[in-house]
Amino acid sequence: MTILIVKLGAAGDVIRTTAILPGLKEKYKKAAIDWITEKKHVDLLRGNPYLRNIFVFDDHKLFSNHKYNLIIDLDADLGVSKVISLMKTDRLFGTYANSDKLVYTKDSRPWFDLGLLSRFGKEKADILKAKNRKTYQELCYQMLKLSYRQQRPQLTLSRHDLESGRLFSHLNNIRKGDFVVGINTGAGTKWLHKKLDMTDTIKVIEKVKERFPKSKIILLGGPEEIERNRKIKLKLPYVIDASGNQTFMQFASLINLCGILITSDSLGMHLATALNKKIIAFFSPTSPWEIELYDTGVKVLPVKGCLACYHRRCQTKPQFDLNHFIESIEKPKLI
């Protein structure tokens, strides 16, 4: 049995899709599984024990002549699907190119009916997405007829990644046994209200430090958060600012240092689930029900604002009960 998974991006989607690998291996015990992704996401898959080959989509010649018993195309890109649709396979699941139109197979409707590609149109798709109460992983297992037992995403930190984390700990006086709280409240630039603003981020950090005075607090973020986090650091000098132009795996190595991660619905959250970290995730305007936090996470929902509306700029700024973050940390399963 040979299986090809097509999932190029985004990075968080690649990570959460790896959760299907244990289920596929359980159902098809002798399966050889390959994956096609973007070059920048290869490191997220490297070292994964479930994968035989990792292909970069631009290198068509390395995979286009292969025949697979099953191709799982979970991307929604016409250009990608045109290439995949020409490959030999016994069964194609997911999206495919029908002339110049991107469509999807009947057995993949439970997921694609909820998105921009929906056969019902965007208006009804948005309603269906808001009503959906199954996680992405649960839907994938259902569609592929796999046995779902909350199998986690898969991420392998290399020795180099682990050493990077150890070096960061040494330089910032983080010792074994310290209670380390990661703060990842940014969320890039696509969704204005997906992130926590600087004022609320400062309040959350102050509440954490007040309740856990000996905690070490790491402020995480990518290039978009550098200036924002610099300003937070000026107000709260005890915070360890780890934001910057990091690789995905450097980012993962920092999250791996945390005992608990307070995070937006973002790449950091997906990395933390793969690393089996305790998570407090806040949501707006995306769907909290679609996200699987397993038994080590708590979802914080806004007391005012949108959920599952997916507007890039909502009319109402979300408001959170910031005490809920601290209450969530103190839940028995988290601390």
C-alpha atoms as a PDB file:
ATOM      1  CA  MET A   1       0.000   0.000   0.000  1.00  0.00           C
ATOM      2  CA  THR A   2       1.422   3.353  -1.044  1.00  0.00           C
ATOM      3  CA  ILE A   3      -0.096   6.654   0.100  1.00  0.00           C
ATOM      4  CA  LEU A   4       0.657  10.217  -0.938  1.00  0.00           C
ATOM      5  CA  ILE A   5      -0.441  13.188   1.182  1.00  0.00           C
ATOM      6  CA  VAL A   6      -0.593  16.594  -0.486  1.00  0.00           C
ATOM      7  CA  LYS A   7      -0.539  19.489   1.999  1.00  0.00           C
ATOM      8  CA  LEU A   8       1.667  22.398   1.081  1.00  0.00           C
ATOM      9  CA  GLY A   9       0.619  25.009   3.624  1.00  0.00           C
ATOM     10  CA  ALA A  10       0.091  26.898   5.734  1.00  0.00           C
ATOM     11  CA  ALA A  11       2.590  25.758   8.346  1.00  0.00           C
ATOM     12  CA  GLY A  12      -0.001  25.255  11.069  1.00  0.00           C
ATOM     13  CA  ASP A  13      -2.212  23.286   8.681  1.00  0.00           C
ATOM     14  CA  VAL A  14       0.720  21.050   7.757  1.00  0.00           C
ATOM     15  CA  ILE A  15       1.350  20.340  11.441  1.00  0.00           C
ATOM     16  CA  ARG A  16      -2.260  19.518  12.306  1.00  0.00           C
ATOM     17  CA  THR A  17      -2.636  17.318   9.223  1.00  0.00           C
ATOM     18  CA  THR A  18       0.201  15.093  10.461  1.00  0.00           C
ATOM     19  CA  ALA A  19      -2.301  13.817  13.029  1.00  0.00           C
ATOM     20  CA  ILE A  20      -3.727  11.505  10.335  1.00  0.00           C
ATOM     21  CA  LEU A  21      -0.432   9.620  10.007  1.00  0.00           C
ATOM     22  CA  PRO A  22      -0.875   7.309  13.036  1.00  0.00           C
ATOM     23  CA  GLY A  23      -4.396   6.468  11.884  1.00  0.00           C
ATOM     24  CA  LEU A  24      -3.261   5.658   8.355  1.00  0.00           C
ATOM     25  CA  LYS A  25      -0.487   3.423   9.663  1.00  0.00           C
ATOM     26  CA  GLU A  26      -2.906   1.667  11.970  1.00  0.00           C
ATOM     27  CA  LYS A  27      -5.340   0.921   9.149  1.00  0.00           C
ATOM     28  CA  TYR A  28      -2.716   0.198   6.486  1.00  0.00           C
ATOM     29  CA  LYS A  29       0.021  -1.400   8.582  1.00  0.00           C
ATOM     30  CA  LYS A  30       2.519  -1.919   5.770  1.00  0.00           C
ATOM     31  CA  ALA A  31       1.809   1.365   4.024  1.00  0.00           C
ATOM     32  CA  ALA A  32       4.621   3.506   2.646  1.00  0.00           C
ATOM     33  CA  ILE A  33       3.558   7.131   3.078  1.00  0.00           C
ATOM     34  CA  ASP A  34       4.990  10.084   1.145  1.00  0.00           C
ATOM     35  CA  TRP A  35       4.180  13.783   1.530  1.00  0.00           C
ATOM     36  CA  ILE A  36       4.300  16.754  -0.849  1.00  0.00           C
ATOM     37  CA  THR A  37       4.744  20.198   0.677  1.00  0.00           C
ATOM     38  CA  GLU A  38       6.447  23.548   0.142  1.00  0.00           C
ATOM     39  CA  LYS A  39      10.197  23.869   0.556  1.00  0.00           C
ATOM     40  CA  LYS A  40       9.819  26.116   3.607  1.00  0.00           C
ATOM     41  CA  HIS A  41       7.735  23.465   5.380  1.00  0.00           C
ATOM     42  CA  VAL A  42      10.014  20.468   4.843  1.00  0.00           C
ATOM     43  CA  ASP A  43      11.645  20.864   8.264  1.00  0.00           C
ATOM     44  CA  LEU A  44       8.251  20.451   9.917  1.00  0.00           C
ATOM     45  CA  LEU A  45       8.080  16.935   8.454  1.00  0.00           C
ATOM     46  CA  ARG A  46      11.729  15.914   8.576  1.00  0.00           C
ATOM     47  CA  GLY A  47      12.443  13.015  10.917  1.00  0.00           C
ATOM     48  CA  ASN A  48       8.788  11.982  11.045  1.00  0.00           C
ATOM     49  CA  PRO A  49       8.826   8.199  11.635  1.00  0.00           C
ATOM     50  CA  TYR A  50       5.623   7.692   9.635  1.00  0.00           C
ATOM     51  CA  LEU A  51       6.971   9.151   6.392  1.00  0.00           C
ATOM     52  CA  ARG A  52       9.065   7.467   3.709  1.00  0.00           C
ATOM     53  CA  ASN A  53       9.672  10.464   1.453  1.00  0.00           C
ATOM     54  CA  ILE A  54       9.094  14.206   1.684  1.00  0.00           C
ATOM     55  CA  PHE A  55       8.797  15.924  -1.696  1.00  0.00           C
ATOM     56  CA  VAL A  56       8.860  19.624  -2.515  1.00  0.00           C
ATOM     57  CA  PHE A  57       6.051  20.495  -4.899  1.00  0.00           C
ATOM     58  CA  ASP A  58       8.328  22.447  -7.239  1.00  0.00           C
ATOM     59  CA  ASP A  59      10.354  19.273  -7.874  1.00  0.00           C
ATOM     60  CA  HIS A  60       7.637  17.639 -10.000  1.00  0.00           C
ATOM     61  CA  LYS A  61      10.013  15.169 -11.649  1.00  0.00           C
ATOM     62  CA  LEU A  62      10.752  13.469  -8.326  1.00  0.00           C
ATOM     63  CA  PHE A  63       7.175  12.325  -7.767  1.00  0.00           C
ATOM     64  CA  SER A  64       4.947  12.923 -10.826  1.00  0.00           C
ATOM     65  CA  ASN A  65       5.673   9.521 -12.396  1.00  0.00           C
ATOM     66  CA  HIS A  66       4.984   7.580  -9.210  1.00  0.00           C
ATOM     67  CA  LYS A  67       1.811   5.562  -8.836  1.00  0.00           C
ATOM     68  CA  TYR A  68       0.041   5.518  -5.480  1.00  0.00           C
ATOM     69  CA  ASN A  69      -2.776   3.358  -4.217  1.00  0.00           C
ATOM     70  CA  LEU A  70      -4.211   6.387  -2.419  1.00  0.00           C
ATOM     71  CA  ILE A  71      -3.608  10.119  -2.925  1.00  0.00           C
ATOM     72  CA  ILE A  72      -4.942  12.433  -0.218  1.00  0.00           C
ATOM     73  CA  ASP A  73      -5.001  16.002  -1.520  1.00  0.00           C
ATOM     74  CA  LEU A  74      -5.997  18.312   1.314  1.00  0.00           C
ATOM     75  CA  ASP A  75      -4.819  21.476  -0.402  1.00  0.00           C
ATOM     76  CA  ALA A  76      -7.238  23.796  -2.148  1.00  0.00           C
ATOM     77  CA  ASP A  77      -5.027  25.077  -4.931  1.00  0.00           C
ATOM     78  CA  LEU A  78      -5.933  24.669  -8.593  1.00  0.00           C
ATOM     79  CA  GLY A  79      -2.327  24.710  -9.791  1.00  0.00           C
ATOM     80  CA  VAL A  80      -1.352  21.999  -7.327  1.00  0.00           C
ATOM     81  CA  SER A  81      -4.400  19.876  -8.107  1.00  0.00           C
ATOM     82  CA  LYS A  82      -3.734  20.074 -11.861  1.00  0.00           C
ATOM     83  CA  VAL A  83      -0.379  18.399 -11.308  1.00  0.00           C
ATOM     84  CA  ILE A  84      -1.737  15.836  -8.837  1.00  0.00           C
ATOM     85  CA  SER A  85      -4.714  14.989 -11.062  1.00  0.00           C
ATOM     86  CA  LEU A  86      -2.321  13.773 -13.768  1.00  0.00           C
ATOM     87  CA  MET A  87      -0.683  11.236 -11.461  1.00  0.00           C
ATOM     88  CA  LYS A  88      -1.606   7.567 -11.486  1.00  0.00           C
ATOM     89  CA  THR A  89      -3.622   6.376  -8.506  1.00  0.00           C
ATOM     90  CA  ASP A  90      -6.220   3.795  -7.558  1.00  0.00           C
ATOM     91  CA  ARG A  91      -8.079   6.321  -5.432  1.00  0.00           C
ATOM     92  CA  LEU A  92      -7.986  10.102  -5.144  1.00  0.00           C
ATOM     93  CA  PHE A  93      -9.377  11.731  -2.019  1.00  0.00           C
ATOM     94  CA  GLY A  94      -9.848  15.490  -1.606  1.00  0.00           C
ATOM     95  CA  THR A  95      -9.426  18.183  -4.205  1.00  0.00           C
ATOM     96  CA  TYR A  96      -8.780  17.666  -7.903  1.00  0.00           C
ATOM     97  CA  ALA A  97      -8.814  19.686 -11.111  1.00  0.00           C
ATOM     98  CA  ASN A  98     -11.792  19.344 -13.426  1.00  0.00           C
ATOM     99  CA  SER A  99     -10.590  21.313 -16.468  1.00  0.00           C
ATOM    100  CA  ASP A 100      -9.961  24.755 -14.986  1.00  0.00           C
ATOM    101  CA  LYS A 101     -12.210  24.269 -11.995  1.00  0.00           C
ATOM    102  CA  LEU A 102     -11.151  23.056  -8.568  1.00  0.00           C
ATOM    103  CA  VAL A 103     -13.569  20.516  -7.098  1.00  0.00           C
ATOM    104  CA  TYR A 104     -13.467  17.860  -4.397  1.00  0.00           C
ATOM    105  CA  THR A 105     -14.442  14.245  -4.002  1.00  0.00           C
ATOM    106  CA  LYS A 106     -17.721  13.170  -2.440  1.00  0.00           C
ATOM    107  CA  ASP A 107     -16.009  11.483   0.498  1.00  0.00           C
ATOM    108  CA  SER A 108     -14.189  14.725   1.408  1.00  0.00           C
ATOM    109  CA  ARG A 109     -17.349  16.853   1.577  1.00  0.00           C
ATOM    110  CA  PRO A 110     -17.545  17.018   5.397  1.00  0.00           C
ATOM    111  CA  TRP A 111     -14.468  19.277   5.351  1.00  0.00           C
ATOM    112  CA  PHE A 112     -14.523  21.109   2.026  1.00  0.00           C
ATOM    113  CA  ASP A 113     -18.236  21.919   2.308  1.00  0.00           C
ATOM    114  CA  LEU A 114     -17.223  24.277   5.136  1.00  0.00           C
ATOM    115  CA  GLY A 115     -14.702  26.343   3.198  1.00  0.00           C
ATOM    116  CA  LEU A 116     -14.238  28.746   0.308  1.00  0.00           C
ATOM    117  CA  LEU A 117     -14.369  25.865  -2.155  1.00  0.00           C
ATOM    118  CA  SER A 118     -17.808  24.741  -0.907  1.00  0.00           C
ATOM    119  CA  ARG A 119     -20.277  23.484  -3.513  1.00  0.00           C
ATOM    120  CA  PHE A 120     -22.949  25.435  -1.624  1.00  0.00           C
ATOM    121  CA  GLY A 121     -21.289  28.838  -2.010  1.00  0.00           C
ATOM    122  CA  LYS A 122     -19.634  31.003   0.619  1.00  0.00           C
ATOM    123  CA  GLU A 123     -22.771  32.152   2.437  1.00  0.00           C
ATOM    124  CA  LYS A 124     -24.011  28.663   3.272  1.00  0.00           C
ATOM    125  CA  ALA A 125     -20.457  27.404   3.854  1.00  0.00           C
ATOM    126  CA  ASP A 126     -20.011  30.076   6.527  1.00  0.00           C
ATOM    127  CA  ILE A 127     -23.212  28.909   8.228  1.00  0.00           C
ATOM    128  CA  LEU A 128     -22.105  25.280   8.103  1.00  0.00           C
ATOM    129  CA  LYS A 129     -18.667  26.189   9.482  1.00  0.00           C
ATOM    130  CA  ALA A 130     -20.208  28.109  12.384  1.00  0.00           C
ATOM    131  CA  LYS A 131     -22.481  25.140  13.180  1.00  0.00           C
ATOM    132  CA  ASN A 132     -19.706  22.541  12.943  1.00  0.00           C
ATOM    133  CA  ARG A 133     -18.637  21.028  16.254  1.00  0.00           C
ATOM    134  CA  LYS A 134     -16.107  18.490  15.000  1.00  0.00           C
ATOM    135  CA  THR A 135     -12.395  19.194  14.993  1.00  0.00           C
ATOM    136  CA  TYR A 136     -10.353  19.152  11.807  1.00  0.00           C
ATOM    137  CA  GLN A 137      -8.625  15.963  12.929  1.00  0.00           C
ATOM    138  CA  GLU A 138     -11.921  14.280  13.781  1.00  0.00           C
ATOM    139  CA  LEU A 139     -13.326  15.171  10.366  1.00  0.00           C
ATOM    140  CA  CYS A 140     -10.216  13.852   8.606  1.00  0.00           C
ATOM    141  CA  TYR A 141     -10.460  10.540  10.442  1.00  0.00           C
ATOM    142  CA  GLN A 142     -14.179  10.325   9.681  1.00  0.00           C
ATOM    143  CA  MET A 143     -13.701  11.031   5.971  1.00  0.00           C
ATOM    144  CA  LEU A 144     -10.812   8.583   5.615  1.00  0.00           C
ATOM    145  CA  LYS A 145     -12.661   5.943   7.665  1.00  0.00           C
ATOM    146  CA  LEU A 146      -9.952   5.761  10.297  1.00  0.00           C
ATOM    147  CA  SER A 147     -10.431   5.036  13.987  1.00  0.00           C
ATOM    148  CA  TYR A 148     -10.166   8.366  15.834  1.00  0.00           C
ATOM    149  CA  ARG A 149      -8.764   8.307  19.362  1.00  0.00           C
ATOM    150  CA  GLN A 150      -7.434  11.860  19.448  1.00  0.00           C
ATOM    151  CA  GLN A 151      -4.146  10.946  17.775  1.00  0.00           C
ATOM    152  CA  ARG A 152      -1.787  13.894  18.048  1.00  0.00           C
ATOM    153  CA  PRO A 153       0.056  15.771  15.310  1.00  0.00           C
ATOM    154  CA  GLN A 154       3.613  14.588  14.760  1.00  0.00           C
ATOM    155  CA  LEU A 155       6.704  16.783  15.096  1.00  0.00           C
ATOM    156  CA  THR A 156      10.289  15.627  15.577  1.00  0.00           C
ATOM    157  CA  LEU A 157      12.846  17.947  17.146  1.00  0.00           C
ATOM    158  CA  SER A 158      16.371  17.138  15.974  1.00  0.00           C
ATOM    159  CA  ARG A 159      19.415  17.149  18.237  1.00  0.00           C
ATOM    160  CA  HIS A 160      20.270  20.539  16.781  1.00  0.00           C
ATOM    161  CA  ASP A 161      16.806  21.877  17.671  1.00  0.00           C
ATOM    162  CA  LEU A 162      17.044  20.554  21.219  1.00  0.00           C
ATOM    163  CA  GLU A 163      20.531  22.022  21.618  1.00  0.00           C
ATOM    164  CA  SER A 164      19.205  25.374  20.413  1.00  0.00           C
ATOM    165  CA  GLY A 165      16.629  25.265  23.196  1.00  0.00           C
ATOM    166  CA  ARG A 166      19.222  24.311  25.796  1.00  0.00           C
ATOM    167  CA  LEU A 167      21.462  27.192  24.732  1.00  0.00           C
ATOM    168  CA  PHE A 168      18.574  29.648  24.998  1.00  0.00           C
ATOM    169  CA  SER A 169      17.811  28.331  28.503  1.00  0.00           C
ATOM    170  CA  HIS A 170      21.437  28.738  29.556  1.00  0.00           C
ATOM    171  CA  LEU A 171      21.677  32.293  28.226  1.00  0.00           C
ATOM    172  CA  ASN A 172      18.447  33.312  29.957  1.00  0.00           C
ATOM    173  CA  ASN A 173      18.999  31.546  33.271  1.00  0.00           C
ATOM    174  CA  ILE A 174      16.148  29.084  32.797  1.00  0.00           C
ATOM    175  CA  ARG A 175      16.830  26.058  34.975  1.00  0.00           C
ATOM    176  CA  LYS A 176      15.366  22.587  35.051  1.00  0.00           C
ATOM    177  CA  GLY A 177      12.307  22.658  37.281  1.00  0.00           C
ATOM    178  CA  ASP A 178      11.451  26.305  36.598  1.00  0.00           C
ATOM    179  CA  PHE A 179       7.802  27.058  35.875  1.00  0.00           C
ATOM    180  CA  VAL A 180       8.051  28.479  32.355  1.00  0.00           C
ATOM    181  CA  VAL A 181       5.074  30.232  30.765  1.00  0.00           C
ATOM    182  CA  GLY A 182       5.162  31.035  27.062  1.00  0.00           C
ATOM    183  CA  ILE A 183       3.181  34.048  25.835  1.00  0.00           C
ATOM    184  CA  ASN A 184       2.336  33.847  22.139  1.00  0.00           C
ATOM    185  CA  THR A 185      -0.417  36.404  21.715  1.00  0.00           C
ATOM    186  CA  GLY A 186       0.459  37.638  18.223  1.00  0.00           C
ATOM    187  CA  ALA A 187      -0.986  36.089  15.083  1.00  0.00           C
ATOM    188  CA  GLY A 188       0.654  37.672  12.054  1.00  0.00           C
ATOM    189  CA  THR A 189      -1.164  40.251   9.949  1.00  0.00           C
ATOM    190  CA  LYS A 190      -3.986  38.359   8.212  1.00  0.00           C
ATOM    191  CA  TRP A 191      -6.547  38.540  11.021  1.00  0.00           C
ATOM    192  CA  LEU A 192      -6.669  41.855  12.863  1.00  0.00           C
ATOM    193  CA  HIS A 193      -8.540  40.520  15.891  1.00  0.00           C
ATOM    194  CA  LYS A 194      -7.010  37.065  16.054  1.00  0.00           C
ATOM    195  CA  LYS A 195      -4.290  38.385  18.343  1.00  0.00           C
ATOM    196  CA  LEU A 196      -4.426  39.952  21.777  1.00  0.00           C
ATOM    197  CA  ASP A 197      -3.531  43.629  21.731  1.00  0.00           C
ATOM    198  CA  MET A 198      -0.454  44.902  23.540  1.00  0.00           C
ATOM    199  CA  THR A 199      -2.378  46.341  26.490  1.00  0.00           C
ATOM    200  CA  ASP A 200      -4.204  43.075  27.206  1.00  0.00           C
ATOM    201  CA  THR A 201      -1.019  41.071  26.662  1.00  0.00           C
ATOM    202  CA  ILE A 202       0.721  43.154  29.329  1.00  0.00           C
ATOM    203  CA  LYS A 203      -2.225  42.642  31.707  1.00  0.00           C
ATOM    204  CA  VAL A 204      -2.125  38.859  31.188  1.00  0.00           C
ATOM    205  CA  ILE A 205       1.611  38.755  31.855  1.00  0.00           C
ATOM    206  CA  GLU A 206       1.198  40.850  35.011  1.00  0.00           C
ATOM    207  CA  LYS A 207      -1.533  38.514  36.238  1.00  0.00           C
ATOM    208  CA  VAL A 208       0.662  35.467  35.584  1.00  0.00           C
ATOM    209  CA  LYS A 209       3.588  37.027  37.439  1.00  0.00           C
ATOM    210  CA  GLU A 210       1.385  38.074  40.349  1.00  0.00           C
ATOM    211  CA  ARG A 211      -0.073  34.570  40.724  1.00  0.00           C
ATOM    212  CA  PHE A 212       3.206  32.758  39.991  1.00  0.00           C
ATOM    213  CA  PRO A 213       5.979  35.125  41.122  1.00  0.00           C
ATOM    214  CA  LYS A 214       8.771  32.619  40.515  1.00  0.00           C
ATOM    215  CA  SER A 215       7.674  31.862  36.960  1.00  0.00           C
ATOM    216  CA  LYS A 216       9.903  32.523  33.973  1.00  0.00           C
ATOM    217  CA  ILE A 217       7.892  34.192  31.203  1.00  0.00           C
ATOM    218  CA  ILE A 218       8.992  33.874  27.591  1.00  0.00           C
ATOM    219  CA  LEU A 219       7.508  36.328  25.115  1.00  0.00           C
ATOM    220  CA  LEU A 220       7.243  34.604  21.737  1.00  0.00           C
ATOM    221  CA  GLY A 221       6.564  35.926  18.263  1.00  0.00           C
ATOM    222  CA  GLY A 222       7.681  36.195  14.666  1.00  0.00           C
ATOM    223  CA  PRO A 223       8.911  39.145  12.607  1.00  0.00           C
ATOM    224  CA  GLU A 224       5.544  40.913  12.888  1.00  0.00           C
ATOM    225  CA  GLU A 225       5.744  40.887  16.682  1.00  0.00           C
ATOM    226  CA  ILE A 226       9.335  42.113  17.147  1.00  0.00           C
ATOM    227  CA  GLU A 227       8.517  45.787  17.705  1.00  0.00           C
ATOM    228  CA  ARG A 228       5.400  45.016  19.729  1.00  0.00           C
ATOM    229  CA  ASN A 229       7.287  42.647  22.012  1.00  0.00           C
ATOM    230  CA  ARG A 230      10.155  45.126  22.391  1.00  0.00           C
ATOM    231  CA  LYS A 231       7.695  47.640  23.822  1.00  0.00           C
ATOM    232  CA  ILE A 232       6.263  45.008  26.175  1.00  0.00           C
ATOM    233  CA  LYS A 233       9.779  44.182  27.364  1.00  0.00           C
ATOM    234  CA  LEU A 234      10.420  47.859  28.147  1.00  0.00           C
ATOM    235  CA  LYS A 235       7.341  47.907  30.392  1.00  0.00           C
ATOM    236  CA  LEU A 236       8.001  44.467  31.904  1.00  0.00           C
ATOM    237  CA  PRO A 237      11.794  43.991  32.152  1.00  0.00           C
ATOM    238  CA  TYR A 238      11.471  40.535  33.741  1.00  0.00           C
ATOM    239  CA  VAL A 239      10.007  39.108  30.532  1.00  0.00           C
ATOM    240  CA  ILE A 240      12.361  37.072  28.320  1.00  0.00           C
ATOM    241  CA  ASP A 241      11.848  38.350  24.779  1.00  0.00           C
ATOM    242  CA  ALA A 242      12.339  35.492  22.305  1.00  0.00           C
ATOM    243  CA  SER A 243      10.654  37.054  19.269  1.00  0.00           C
ATOM    244  CA  GLY A 244      12.561  37.379  16.014  1.00  0.00           C
ATOM    245  CA  ASN A 245      13.235  36.041  12.536  1.00  0.00           C
ATOM    246  CA  GLN A 246      13.323  32.390  13.521  1.00  0.00           C
ATOM    247  CA  THR A 247      12.945  29.223  11.547  1.00  0.00           C
ATOM    248  CA  PHE A 248       9.895  27.096  12.289  1.00  0.00           C
ATOM    249  CA  MET A 249      12.048  24.625  14.198  1.00  0.00           C
ATOM    250  CA  GLN A 250      13.780  27.329  16.240  1.00  0.00           C
ATOM    251  CA  PHE A 251      10.319  28.556  17.172  1.00  0.00           C
ATOM    252  CA  ALA A 252       9.326  24.999  18.096  1.00  0.00           C
ATOM    253  CA  SER A 253      12.448  24.580  20.255  1.00  0.00           C
ATOM    254  CA  LEU A 254      11.424  27.662  22.261  1.00  0.00           C
ATOM    255  CA  ILE A 255       7.862  26.398  22.729  1.00  0.00           C
ATOM    256  CA  ASN A 256       9.362  23.099  23.881  1.00  0.00           C
ATOM    257  CA  LEU A 257      10.889  24.930  26.863  1.00  0.00           C
ATOM    258  CA  CYS A 258       7.483  26.034  28.123  1.00  0.00           C
ATOM    259  CA  GLY A 259       5.447  24.266  30.745  1.00  0.00           C
ATOM    260  CA  ILE A 260       2.351  26.155  29.601  1.00  0.00           C
ATOM    261  CA  LEU A 261       1.733  28.190  26.457  1.00  0.00           C
ATOM    262  CA  ILE A 262      -0.813  31.004  26.333  1.00  0.00           C
ATOM    263  CA  THR A 263      -1.457  31.428  22.632  1.00  0.00           C
ATOM    264  CA  SER A 264      -3.680  32.698  19.876  1.00  0.00           C
ATOM    265  CA  ASP A 265      -5.092  30.322  17.261  1.00  0.00           C
ATOM    266  CA  SER A 266      -1.823  30.258  15.344  1.00  0.00           C
ATOM    267  CA  LEU A 267       1.209  28.223  14.333  1.00  0.00           C
ATOM    268  CA  GLY A 268       2.461  28.358  17.917  1.00  0.00           C
ATOM    269  CA  MET A 269      -0.688  26.593  19.096  1.00  0.00           C
ATOM    270  CA  HIS A 270      -0.316  23.811  16.512  1.00  0.00           C
ATOM    271  CA  LEU A 271       3.362  23.327  17.368  1.00  0.00           C
ATOM    272  CA  ALA A 272       2.458  23.115  21.049  1.00  0.00           C
ATOM    273  CA  THR A 273      -0.167  20.414  20.420  1.00  0.00           C
ATOM    274  CA  ALA A 274       2.401  18.376  18.478  1.00  0.00           C
ATOM    275  CA  LEU A 275       4.884  18.791  21.337  1.00  0.00           C
ATOM    276  CA  ASN A 276       2.260  17.661  23.869  1.00  0.00           C
ATOM    277  CA  LYS A 277       2.377  20.955  25.743  1.00  0.00           C
ATOM    278  CA  LYS A 278      -0.196  22.375  28.095  1.00  0.00           C
ATOM    279  CA  ILE A 279      -2.059  25.099  26.224  1.00  0.00           C
ATOM    280  CA  ILE A 280      -4.401  27.974  26.921  1.00  0.00           C
ATOM    281  CA  ALA A 281      -5.680  29.093  23.521  1.00  0.00           C
ATOM    282  CA  PHE A 282      -7.923  32.084  22.894  1.00  0.00           C
ATOM    283  CA  PHE A 283     -10.135  32.426  19.847  1.00  0.00           C
ATOM    284  CA  SER A 284     -11.614  35.181  17.683  1.00  0.00           C
ATOM    285  CA  PRO A 285     -12.737  35.372  14.886  1.00  0.00           C
ATOM    286  CA  THR A 286     -11.863  31.760  13.978  1.00  0.00           C
ATOM    287  CA  SER A 287     -13.722  28.631  15.077  1.00  0.00           C
ATOM    288  CA  PRO A 288     -12.706  27.162  18.448  1.00  0.00           C
ATOM    289  CA  TRP A 289     -14.672  23.984  17.762  1.00  0.00           C
ATOM    290  CA  GLU A 290     -12.520  23.094  14.763  1.00  0.00           C
ATOM    291  CA  ILE A 291      -9.393  23.033  16.933  1.00  0.00           C
ATOM    292  CA  GLU A 292      -8.289  19.932  18.809  1.00  0.00           C
ATOM    293  CA  LEU A 293      -6.388  20.686  22.029  1.00  0.00           C
ATOM    294  CA  TYR A 294      -6.618  17.094  23.251  1.00  0.00           C
ATOM    295  CA  ASP A 295      -6.662  16.714  27.045  1.00  0.00           C
ATOM    296  CA  THR A 296      -3.937  19.248  27.766  1.00  0.00           C
ATOM    297  CA  GLY A 297      -5.596  22.440  26.586  1.00  0.00           C
ATOM    298  CA  VAL A 298      -8.232  25.004  27.552  1.00  0.00           C
ATOM    299  CA  LYS A 299     -10.095  27.239  25.113  1.00  0.00           C
ATOM    300  CA  VAL A 300     -10.759  30.834  26.140  1.00  0.00           C
ATOM    301  CA  LEU A 301     -13.642  32.415  24.231  1.00  0.00           C
ATOM    302  CA  PRO A 302     -14.440  36.118  24.047  1.00  0.00           C
ATOM    303  CA  VAL A 303     -17.115  37.567  26.319  1.00  0.00           C
ATOM    304  CA  LYS A 304     -17.766  40.021  23.504  1.00  0.00           C
ATOM    305  CA  GLY A 305     -16.905  39.616  19.842  1.00  0.00           C
ATOM    306  CA  CYS A 306     -17.129  37.181  16.941  1.00  0.00           C
ATOM    307  CA  LEU A 307     -16.503  33.460  16.662  1.00  0.00           C
ATOM    308  CA  ALA A 308     -16.272  31.522  13.392  1.00  0.00           C
ATOM    309  CA  CYS A 309     -17.018  34.607  11.309  1.00  0.00           C
ATOM    310  CA  TYR A 310     -13.570  34.666   9.658  1.00  0.00           C
ATOM    311  CA  HIS A 311     -13.746  38.374   8.889  1.00  0.00           C
ATOM    312  CA  ARG A 312     -10.275  39.814   8.575  1.00  0.00           C
ATOM    313  CA  ARG A 313     -11.438  43.007  10.261  1.00  0.00           C
ATOM    314  CA  CYS A 314     -14.430  42.499  12.532  1.00  0.00           C
ATOM    315  CA  GLN A 315     -16.594  45.460  13.473  1.00  0.00           C
ATOM    316  CA  THR A 316     -16.458  44.483  17.132  1.00  0.00           C
ATOM    317  CA  LYS A 317     -13.097  44.095  18.836  1.00  0.00           C
ATOM    318  CA  PRO A 318     -13.110  40.901  20.926  1.00  0.00           C
ATOM    319  CA  GLN A 319     -13.004  41.269  24.689  1.00  0.00           C
ATOM    320  CA  PHE A 320     -11.764  38.534  26.998  1.00  0.00           C
ATOM    321  CA  ASP A 321     -12.096  37.978  30.717  1.00  0.00           C
ATOM    322  CA  LEU A 322      -8.369  38.081  31.379  1.00  0.00           C
ATOM    323  CA  ASN A 323      -8.821  36.340  34.734  1.00  0.00           C
ATOM    324  CA  HIS A 324      -9.921  33.303  32.737  1.00  0.00           C
ATOM    325  CA  PHE A 325      -6.333  32.839  31.553  1.00  0.00           C
ATOM    326  CA  ILE A 326      -5.112  32.464  35.142  1.00  0.00           C
ATOM    327  CA  GLU A 327      -8.065  30.292  36.131  1.00  0.00           C
ATOM    328  CA  SER A 328      -7.278  28.051  33.173  1.00  0.00           C
ATOM    329  CA  ILE A 329      -3.646  27.637  34.232  1.00  0.00           C
ATOM    330  CA  GLU A 330      -4.831  26.477  37.642  1.00  0.00           C
ATOM    331  CA  LYS A 331      -7.021  23.716  36.266  1.00  0.00           C
ATOM    332  CA  PRO A 332      -5.848  20.338  37.642  1.00  0.00           C
ATOM    333  CA  LYS A 333      -4.839  19.009  34.242  1.00  0.00           C
ATOM    334  CA  LEU A 334      -2.665  22.024  33.509  1.00  0.00           C
ATOM    335  CA  ILE A 335      -0.733  22.642  36.704  1.00  0.00           C
END
